[in-house]
Protein backbone atom coordinates (compact mmCIF):
# COMPACT_ATOMS: atom_id res chain seq x y z
CA UNK A 1 202.18 81.25 -59.91
CA UNK A 2 202.37 85.29 -60.12
CA UNK A 3 205.31 86.39 -63.22
CA UNK A 4 207.04 89.53 -62.49
CA UNK A 5 207.16 92.21 -61.26
CA UNK A 6 206.31 91.12 -58.08
CA UNK A 7 205.28 93.14 -54.98
CA UNK A 8 208.37 94.19 -52.57
CA UNK A 9 207.79 91.80 -49.83
CA UNK A 10 207.94 88.96 -52.18
CA UNK A 11 212.21 89.98 -52.84
CA UNK A 12 212.86 88.78 -49.00
CA UNK A 13 210.87 85.83 -48.95
CA UNK A 14 212.35 84.38 -52.11
CA UNK A 15 216.18 85.17 -50.93
CA UNK A 16 215.33 83.35 -47.54
CA UNK A 17 213.76 80.35 -49.75
CA UNK A 18 216.92 80.37 -52.02
CA UNK A 19 219.65 80.40 -48.86
CA UNK A 20 218.03 78.27 -46.87
CA UNK A 21 216.83 75.54 -49.91
CA UNK A 22 220.28 75.70 -51.21
CA UNK A 23 222.07 74.92 -47.24
CA UNK A 24 224.25 72.28 -47.18
CA UNK A 25 223.61 71.34 -51.15
CA UNK A 26 226.59 69.48 -52.76
CA UNK A 27 227.32 73.19 -54.73
CA UNK A 28 227.39 75.78 -51.84
CA UNK A 29 229.45 73.23 -49.62
CA UNK A 30 231.94 72.64 -52.73
CA UNK A 31 232.34 76.86 -53.40
CA UNK A 32 231.96 77.69 -49.82
CA UNK A 33 235.15 78.29 -47.57
CA UNK A 34 234.08 76.41 -44.58
CA UNK A 35 231.21 73.98 -43.92
CA UNK A 36 229.59 76.95 -41.71
CA UNK A 37 229.20 79.18 -44.54
CA UNK A 38 227.46 76.58 -46.39
CA UNK A 39 224.91 75.85 -43.52
CA UNK A 40 221.59 77.89 -43.61
CA UNK A 41 218.74 76.14 -42.52
CA UNK A 42 216.72 79.45 -41.11
CA UNK A 43 216.74 83.14 -41.28
CA UNK A 44 218.80 83.58 -38.10
CA UNK A 45 221.41 81.75 -39.61
CA UNK A 46 221.95 83.87 -42.98
CA UNK A 47 224.00 86.79 -42.21
CA UNK A 48 223.02 90.34 -42.75
CA UNK A 49 225.05 91.42 -45.76
CA UNK A 50 224.15 87.52 -47.56
CA UNK A 51 220.68 88.43 -47.06
CA UNK A 52 221.07 91.88 -48.73
CA UNK A 53 222.96 90.81 -51.73
CA UNK A 54 220.61 88.30 -52.32
CA UNK A 55 216.98 90.09 -51.75
CA UNK A 56 219.46 92.59 -54.74
CA UNK A 57 219.60 90.01 -56.63
CA UNK A 58 216.64 88.50 -56.58
CA UNK A 59 215.26 92.10 -57.04
CA UNK A 60 217.60 93.53 -60.08
CA UNK A 61 216.45 89.60 -62.04
CA UNK A 62 213.45 91.05 -63.12
CA UNK A 63 215.55 93.64 -65.36
CA UNK A 64 217.03 90.64 -67.43
CA UNK A 65 215.30 90.75 -70.88
CA UNK A 66 215.82 86.87 -71.25
CA UNK A 67 214.70 85.86 -67.28
CA UNK A 68 210.91 85.10 -66.50
CA UNK A 69 210.62 84.52 -62.68
CA UNK A 70 207.49 82.75 -61.07
CA UNK A 71 206.50 82.51 -58.02
CA UNK A 72 204.56 79.41 -56.13
CA UNK A 73 202.40 82.01 -53.69
CA UNK A 74 199.70 80.16 -50.71
CA UNK A 75 197.74 82.35 -48.60
CA UNK A 76 199.77 85.21 -49.43
CA UNK A 77 203.24 83.94 -48.49
CA UNK A 78 205.75 82.49 -51.48
CA UNK A 79 206.45 78.98 -51.13
CA UNK A 80 209.03 78.80 -54.00
CA UNK A 81 210.25 80.32 -56.56
CA UNK A 82 212.22 79.64 -60.22
CA UNK A 83 213.63 81.61 -62.08
CA UNK A 84 213.38 80.70 -66.46
CA UNK A 85 215.41 81.97 -69.13
CA UNK A 86 213.42 82.25 -72.18
CA UNK A 87 213.96 81.12 -76.11
CA UNK A 88 215.88 84.67 -77.12
CA UNK A 89 212.50 84.68 -79.74
CA UNK A 90 210.15 85.14 -76.65
CA UNK A 91 212.38 87.66 -75.06
CA UNK A 92 211.58 91.30 -74.65
CA UNK A 93 212.59 94.10 -76.67
CA UNK A 94 214.27 97.11 -74.57
CA UNK A 95 214.64 100.60 -74.62
CA UNK A 96 217.96 102.55 -74.90
CA UNK A 97 216.82 104.12 -71.75
CA UNK A 98 216.28 100.62 -70.17
CA UNK A 99 219.21 99.04 -70.91
CA UNK A 100 221.15 101.99 -70.02
CA UNK A 101 219.23 101.67 -66.88
CA UNK A 102 219.77 97.78 -66.31
CA UNK A 103 224.04 97.99 -67.27
CA UNK A 104 224.33 100.90 -64.95
CA UNK A 105 222.27 98.59 -61.92
CA UNK A 106 224.67 95.78 -63.27
CA UNK A 107 228.08 97.88 -62.67
CA UNK A 108 226.92 99.55 -59.28
CA UNK A 109 226.07 95.72 -58.49
CA UNK A 110 229.91 94.83 -59.25
CA UNK A 111 231.28 97.82 -57.58
CA UNK A 112 229.66 96.79 -54.22
CA UNK A 113 230.49 92.64 -54.28
CA UNK A 114 234.26 94.42 -55.10
CA UNK A 115 233.54 96.87 -52.18
CA UNK A 116 232.09 94.42 -50.20
CA UNK A 117 233.52 90.76 -51.26
CA UNK A 118 230.93 87.69 -50.99
CA UNK A 119 233.30 86.06 -48.03
CA UNK A 120 231.03 83.09 -48.05
CA UNK A 121 232.24 81.87 -51.62
CA UNK A 122 235.38 80.40 -52.69
CA UNK A 123 235.83 83.44 -56.28
CA UNK A 124 238.10 80.91 -58.39
CA UNK A 125 235.20 78.34 -57.35
CA UNK A 126 232.43 80.26 -58.03
CA UNK A 127 233.78 81.43 -61.52
CA UNK A 128 235.05 77.89 -62.71
CA UNK A 129 231.16 76.72 -61.65
CA UNK A 130 229.66 79.46 -64.29
CA UNK A 131 232.48 78.63 -66.58
CA UNK A 132 230.97 75.11 -66.31
CA UNK A 133 227.40 75.36 -66.85
CA UNK A 134 228.34 77.58 -70.27
CA UNK A 135 230.59 74.72 -71.23
CA UNK A 136 228.29 71.88 -70.32
CA UNK A 137 225.47 73.91 -72.49
CA UNK A 138 227.84 73.79 -75.67
CA UNK A 139 228.79 70.18 -75.05
CA UNK A 140 225.71 68.56 -75.07
CA UNK A 141 223.20 70.98 -77.16
CA UNK A 142 225.16 71.88 -79.29
CA UNK A 143 227.01 75.49 -79.28
CA UNK A 144 224.69 78.46 -79.09
CA UNK A 145 221.59 75.72 -78.69
CA UNK A 146 220.24 76.61 -75.12
CA UNK A 147 219.29 80.10 -77.11
CA UNK A 148 216.54 78.33 -78.96
CA UNK A 149 215.62 76.53 -75.66
CA UNK A 150 213.68 77.18 -72.12
CA UNK A 151 216.79 77.28 -69.05
CA UNK A 152 215.63 76.48 -66.21
CA UNK A 153 218.30 78.21 -64.38
CA UNK A 154 216.73 78.46 -60.74
CA UNK A 155 213.66 75.92 -58.53
CA UNK A 156 214.13 76.21 -54.66
CA UNK A 157 210.91 75.54 -52.68
CA UNK A 158 210.19 76.85 -49.30
CA UNK A 159 211.26 73.95 -46.70
CA UNK A 160 208.07 74.21 -45.02
CA UNK A 161 206.19 73.55 -48.04
CA UNK A 162 208.37 70.74 -49.66
CA UNK A 163 206.99 67.56 -50.49
CA UNK A 164 204.05 69.61 -51.41
CA UNK A 165 204.00 69.45 -55.54
CA UNK A 166 204.65 73.19 -55.26
CA UNK A 167 208.55 72.72 -57.28
CA UNK A 168 206.58 70.67 -59.44
CA UNK A 169 204.17 73.42 -60.57
CA UNK A 170 206.86 75.21 -61.11
CA UNK A 171 209.00 73.04 -63.11
CA UNK A 172 205.14 72.68 -64.63
CA UNK A 173 204.65 76.24 -65.71
CA UNK A 174 207.72 76.67 -67.69
CA UNK A 175 206.96 72.71 -69.74
CA UNK A 176 203.73 73.87 -70.56
CA UNK A 177 205.05 76.98 -72.38
CA UNK A 178 207.05 75.27 -73.81
CA UNK A 179 204.88 72.43 -75.29
CA UNK A 180 202.72 75.29 -76.35
CA UNK A 181 205.40 76.18 -78.93
CA UNK A 182 207.29 72.93 -79.66
CA UNK A 183 210.64 73.90 -77.43
CA UNK A 184 212.81 72.19 -75.54
CA UNK A 185 214.29 72.30 -71.88
CA UNK A 186 217.34 72.12 -70.01
CA UNK A 187 218.17 72.22 -66.97
CA UNK A 188 220.83 71.21 -64.68
CA UNK A 189 219.76 69.32 -61.95
CA UNK A 190 220.98 67.85 -57.99
CA UNK A 191 221.03 64.38 -57.51
CA UNK A 192 218.06 65.23 -54.68
CA UNK A 193 215.95 66.64 -57.66
CA UNK A 194 216.86 64.19 -60.73
CA UNK A 195 213.67 62.06 -59.65
CA UNK A 196 210.97 65.11 -60.29
CA UNK A 197 213.03 65.90 -63.80
CA UNK A 198 212.76 61.75 -64.53
CA UNK A 199 208.74 61.74 -64.11
CA UNK A 200 208.03 64.85 -66.01
CA UNK A 201 210.02 63.20 -68.70
CA UNK A 202 213.36 64.64 -68.85
CA UNK A 203 216.20 62.42 -69.85
CA UNK A 204 220.07 62.73 -68.92
CA UNK A 205 222.00 63.91 -71.30
CA UNK A 206 225.51 64.93 -69.76
CA UNK A 207 226.82 65.85 -66.66
CA UNK A 208 229.17 68.77 -65.34
CA UNK A 209 232.48 67.59 -62.85
CA UNK A 210 233.95 69.37 -60.57
CA UNK A 211 236.72 68.89 -58.68
CA UNK A 212 240.02 67.22 -58.09
CA UNK A 213 239.58 63.27 -58.32
CA UNK A 214 238.35 61.51 -55.14
CA UNK A 215 236.99 64.88 -54.11
CA UNK A 216 234.66 65.47 -57.82
CA UNK A 217 231.33 66.73 -57.70
CA UNK A 218 228.67 66.08 -60.64
CA UNK A 219 225.84 67.92 -61.39
CA UNK A 220 223.12 65.96 -64.67
CA UNK A 221 222.39 67.48 -67.50
CA UNK A 222 219.18 67.25 -68.56
CA UNK A 223 216.92 67.99 -71.08
CA UNK A 224 213.17 67.96 -71.66
CA UNK A 225 212.11 67.08 -75.72
CA UNK A 226 208.15 68.05 -76.38
CA UNK A 227 208.35 65.14 -79.21
CA UNK A 228 209.66 61.96 -76.79
CA UNK A 229 208.00 64.17 -73.70
CA UNK A 230 204.97 61.99 -72.33
CA UNK A 231 201.80 64.99 -71.91
CA UNK A 232 200.86 65.87 -68.37
CA UNK A 233 198.02 63.78 -68.10
CA UNK A 234 200.24 61.17 -68.45
CA UNK A 235 202.76 62.56 -66.02
CA UNK A 236 199.39 63.22 -63.36
CA UNK A 237 198.61 59.66 -64.10
CA UNK A 238 201.70 57.89 -63.25
CA UNK A 239 202.01 60.00 -60.16
CA UNK A 240 198.75 59.07 -58.78
CA UNK A 241 199.93 55.39 -59.53
CA UNK A 242 202.44 55.52 -57.54
CA UNK A 243 200.89 57.12 -54.66
CA UNK A 244 197.85 54.22 -54.73
CA UNK A 245 200.84 51.65 -54.20
């Protein structure tokens, strides 16, 4: 596993993985103006402006003191990326100069997005989604409790390396750190990813519901508690038993 800071070549790779991994996903399809805007199965299908802004966002994510980005690398190629928000007590401190620089970058990015809008998503739906994440945290965990936990914000695996344990390894990285400190882990899951998290010991605590009745999108909210979750050895033994069967 590789932690930030990363070589500059990583950012283009992680941006492409992010776009392709979520191609045609339920949430991207929900906030996209058309089905074509949600489909990006190869780098050739990613519009240049979208790729440029995704690279920018991945590059600037390193500046966030609450975020730790981890990459799985196989033979020099990025196989997957995870973005973790760490508990408040583990967040790195910033000097005044670092804070001013980060805020300046955030302002520049916001200005760019105003001048060159993110035409591949409906702004109102994207804002509703972001607010629903915050509301779900307060509802299912308790107000402000997310700051005491690890939060898996993004998990994306290069389609070339899917079903090879890359996603599981990126999740295990965070679980091991949380287990060592006796801290909980929270995430929102897609329906496709739910099985992996259940195997790791996550339990559903609620769900996020978006959209109108009859066309609703649901996302499970899941919590991992070190006091009740299986050990890594138990998870490996279970997975080995599944393979034997």
